[in-house]
Amino acid sequence: MELIPGQTLKFQYEANAELDFNLHYHHGKDVTMPMSGKYSNYSNTYVATQKNDFCLMWQNKSGGPVKLQTTYQIIVP
């Protein structure tokens, strides 16, 4: 999703197992991750300081299926 400076991304997710999570954006071949960690339930907000296309990403390393439910909102100042 595209965010511009001053916009806030508010998000949360719940999973029935721990997932590797990150919020990231790309500049050419480089990747910046302002948030990352391993959680089964997580919520946070991120205020954009520059215009970029941001990605919420999860990786399941459990070896089995995982149910994931997520919601997000972009708040415009």
C-alpha atoms as a PDB file:
ATOM      1  CA  MET A   1       0.000   0.000   0.000  1.00  0.00           C
ATOM      2  CA  GLU A   2       1.248   3.491  -0.725  1.00  0.00           C
ATOM      3  CA  LEU A   3       1.822   5.790   2.233  1.00  0.00           C
ATOM      4  CA  ILE A   4       2.837   9.421   2.063  1.00  0.00           C
ATOM      5  CA  PRO A   5       4.523  11.434   4.830  1.00  0.00           C
ATOM      6  CA  GLY A   6       2.228  11.943   7.806  1.00  0.00           C
ATOM      7  CA  GLN A   7      -0.113   9.062   7.031  1.00  0.00           C
ATOM      8  CA  THR A   8      -0.429   6.394   9.723  1.00  0.00           C
ATOM      9  CA  LEU A   9      -0.795   2.682   9.105  1.00  0.00           C
ATOM     10  CA  LYS A  10      -2.684   1.032  11.965  1.00  0.00           C
ATOM     11  CA  PHE A  11      -2.766  -2.771  11.835  1.00  0.00           C
ATOM     12  CA  GLN A  12      -3.287  -5.910  13.847  1.00  0.00           C
ATOM     13  CA  TYR A  13      -3.227  -9.634  13.240  1.00  0.00           C
ATOM     14  CA  GLU A  14      -3.961 -12.893  14.993  1.00  0.00           C
ATOM     15  CA  ALA A  15      -2.649 -16.320  14.046  1.00  0.00           C
ATOM     16  CA  ASN A  16      -2.913 -19.733  15.637  1.00  0.00           C
ATOM     17  CA  ALA A  17       0.901 -20.119  15.538  1.00  0.00           C
ATOM     18  CA  GLU A  18       3.908 -17.835  15.685  1.00  0.00           C
ATOM     19  CA  LEU A  19       4.786 -16.199  12.346  1.00  0.00           C
ATOM     20  CA  ASP A  20       7.771 -14.197  11.177  1.00  0.00           C
ATOM     21  CA  PHE A  21       6.375 -10.726  10.473  1.00  0.00           C
ATOM     22  CA  ASN A  22       7.702  -7.565   8.907  1.00  0.00           C
ATOM     23  CA  LEU A  23       6.610  -4.230   7.525  1.00  0.00           C
ATOM     24  CA  HIS A  24       8.925  -3.280   4.675  1.00  0.00           C
ATOM     25  CA  TYR A  25       9.480  -1.199   1.567  1.00  0.00           C
ATOM     26  CA  HIS A  26      11.908  -1.380  -1.348  1.00  0.00           C
ATOM     27  CA  HIS A  27      14.318   1.109  -2.911  1.00  0.00           C
ATOM     28  CA  GLY A  28      15.703  -0.607  -5.967  1.00  0.00           C
ATOM     29  CA  LYS A  29      17.349  -3.797  -4.708  1.00  0.00           C
ATOM     30  CA  ASP A  30      17.491  -2.576  -1.093  1.00  0.00           C
ATOM     31  CA  VAL A  31      14.806  -3.410   1.466  1.00  0.00           C
ATOM     32  CA  THR A  32      14.065  -1.375   4.609  1.00  0.00           C
ATOM     33  CA  MET A  33      12.151  -3.031   7.476  1.00  0.00           C
ATOM     34  CA  PRO A  34      10.902  -0.487   9.994  1.00  0.00           C
ATOM     35  CA  MET A  35       9.205  -3.331  11.940  1.00  0.00           C
ATOM     36  CA  SER A  36       9.916  -7.039  12.288  1.00  0.00           C
ATOM     37  CA  GLY A  37       9.550  -9.856  14.792  1.00  0.00           C
ATOM     38  CA  LYS A  38       7.974 -13.221  15.589  1.00  0.00           C
ATOM     39  CA  TYR A  39       4.443 -13.109  16.976  1.00  0.00           C
ATOM     40  CA  SER A  40       1.157 -14.966  16.966  1.00  0.00           C
ATOM     41  CA  ASN A  41      -0.785 -11.816  17.904  1.00  0.00           C
ATOM     42  CA  TYR A  42       0.448  -8.329  17.192  1.00  0.00           C
ATOM     43  CA  SER A  43      -0.815  -4.780  16.737  1.00  0.00           C
ATOM     44  CA  ASN A  44       1.029  -1.554  16.086  1.00  0.00           C
ATOM     45  CA  THR A  45       1.036   1.723  14.181  1.00  0.00           C
ATOM     46  CA  TYR A  46       3.567   3.180  11.775  1.00  0.00           C
ATOM     47  CA  VAL A  47       3.756   6.849  10.730  1.00  0.00           C
ATOM     48  CA  ALA A  48       5.278   7.301   7.271  1.00  0.00           C
ATOM     49  CA  THR A  49       8.152   9.766   7.004  1.00  0.00           C
ATOM     50  CA  GLN A  50       8.548   9.395   3.239  1.00  0.00           C
ATOM     51  CA  LYS A  51       6.474   8.269   0.269  1.00  0.00           C
ATOM     52  CA  ASN A  52       6.824   4.529  -0.384  1.00  0.00           C
ATOM     53  CA  ASP A  53       4.875   1.395  -1.232  1.00  0.00           C
ATOM     54  CA  PHE A  54       4.755  -0.608   2.003  1.00  0.00           C
ATOM     55  CA  CYS A  55       4.196  -4.347   2.430  1.00  0.00           C
ATOM     56  CA  LEU A  56       2.941  -6.301   5.431  1.00  0.00           C
ATOM     57  CA  MET A  57       4.549  -9.746   5.186  1.00  0.00           C
ATOM     58  CA  TRP A  58       4.231 -12.979   7.142  1.00  0.00           C
ATOM     59  CA  GLN A  59       6.245 -16.162   6.843  1.00  0.00           C
ATOM     60  CA  ASN A  60       5.101 -19.494   8.242  1.00  0.00           C
ATOM     61  CA  LYS A  61       8.033 -21.653   9.336  1.00  0.00           C
ATOM     62  CA  SER A  62       5.926 -24.056  11.417  1.00  0.00           C
ATOM     63  CA  GLY A  63       5.713 -26.776   8.756  1.00  0.00           C
ATOM     64  CA  GLY A  64       1.914 -26.870   8.965  1.00  0.00           C
ATOM     65  CA  PRO A  65      -1.030 -24.684   8.009  1.00  0.00           C
ATOM     66  CA  VAL A  66      -1.634 -21.515  10.011  1.00  0.00           C
ATOM     67  CA  LYS A  67      -4.812 -19.477  10.155  1.00  0.00           C
ATOM     68  CA  LEU A  68      -4.111 -15.732   9.900  1.00  0.00           C
ATOM     69  CA  GLN A  69      -6.582 -12.895  10.313  1.00  0.00           C
ATOM     70  CA  THR A  70      -5.501  -9.314   9.791  1.00  0.00           C
ATOM     71  CA  THR A  71      -6.996  -5.856   9.570  1.00  0.00           C
ATOM     72  CA  TYR A  72      -5.408  -2.543   8.695  1.00  0.00           C
ATOM     73  CA  GLN A  73      -6.385   1.077   8.327  1.00  0.00           C
ATOM     74  CA  ILE A  74      -4.603   4.040   6.773  1.00  0.00           C
ATOM     75  CA  ILE A  75      -5.237   7.210   8.747  1.00  0.00           C
ATOM     76  CA  VAL A  76      -4.887  10.473   6.813  1.00  0.00           C
ATOM     77  CA  PRO A  77      -4.009  13.536   8.907  1.00  0.00           C
END
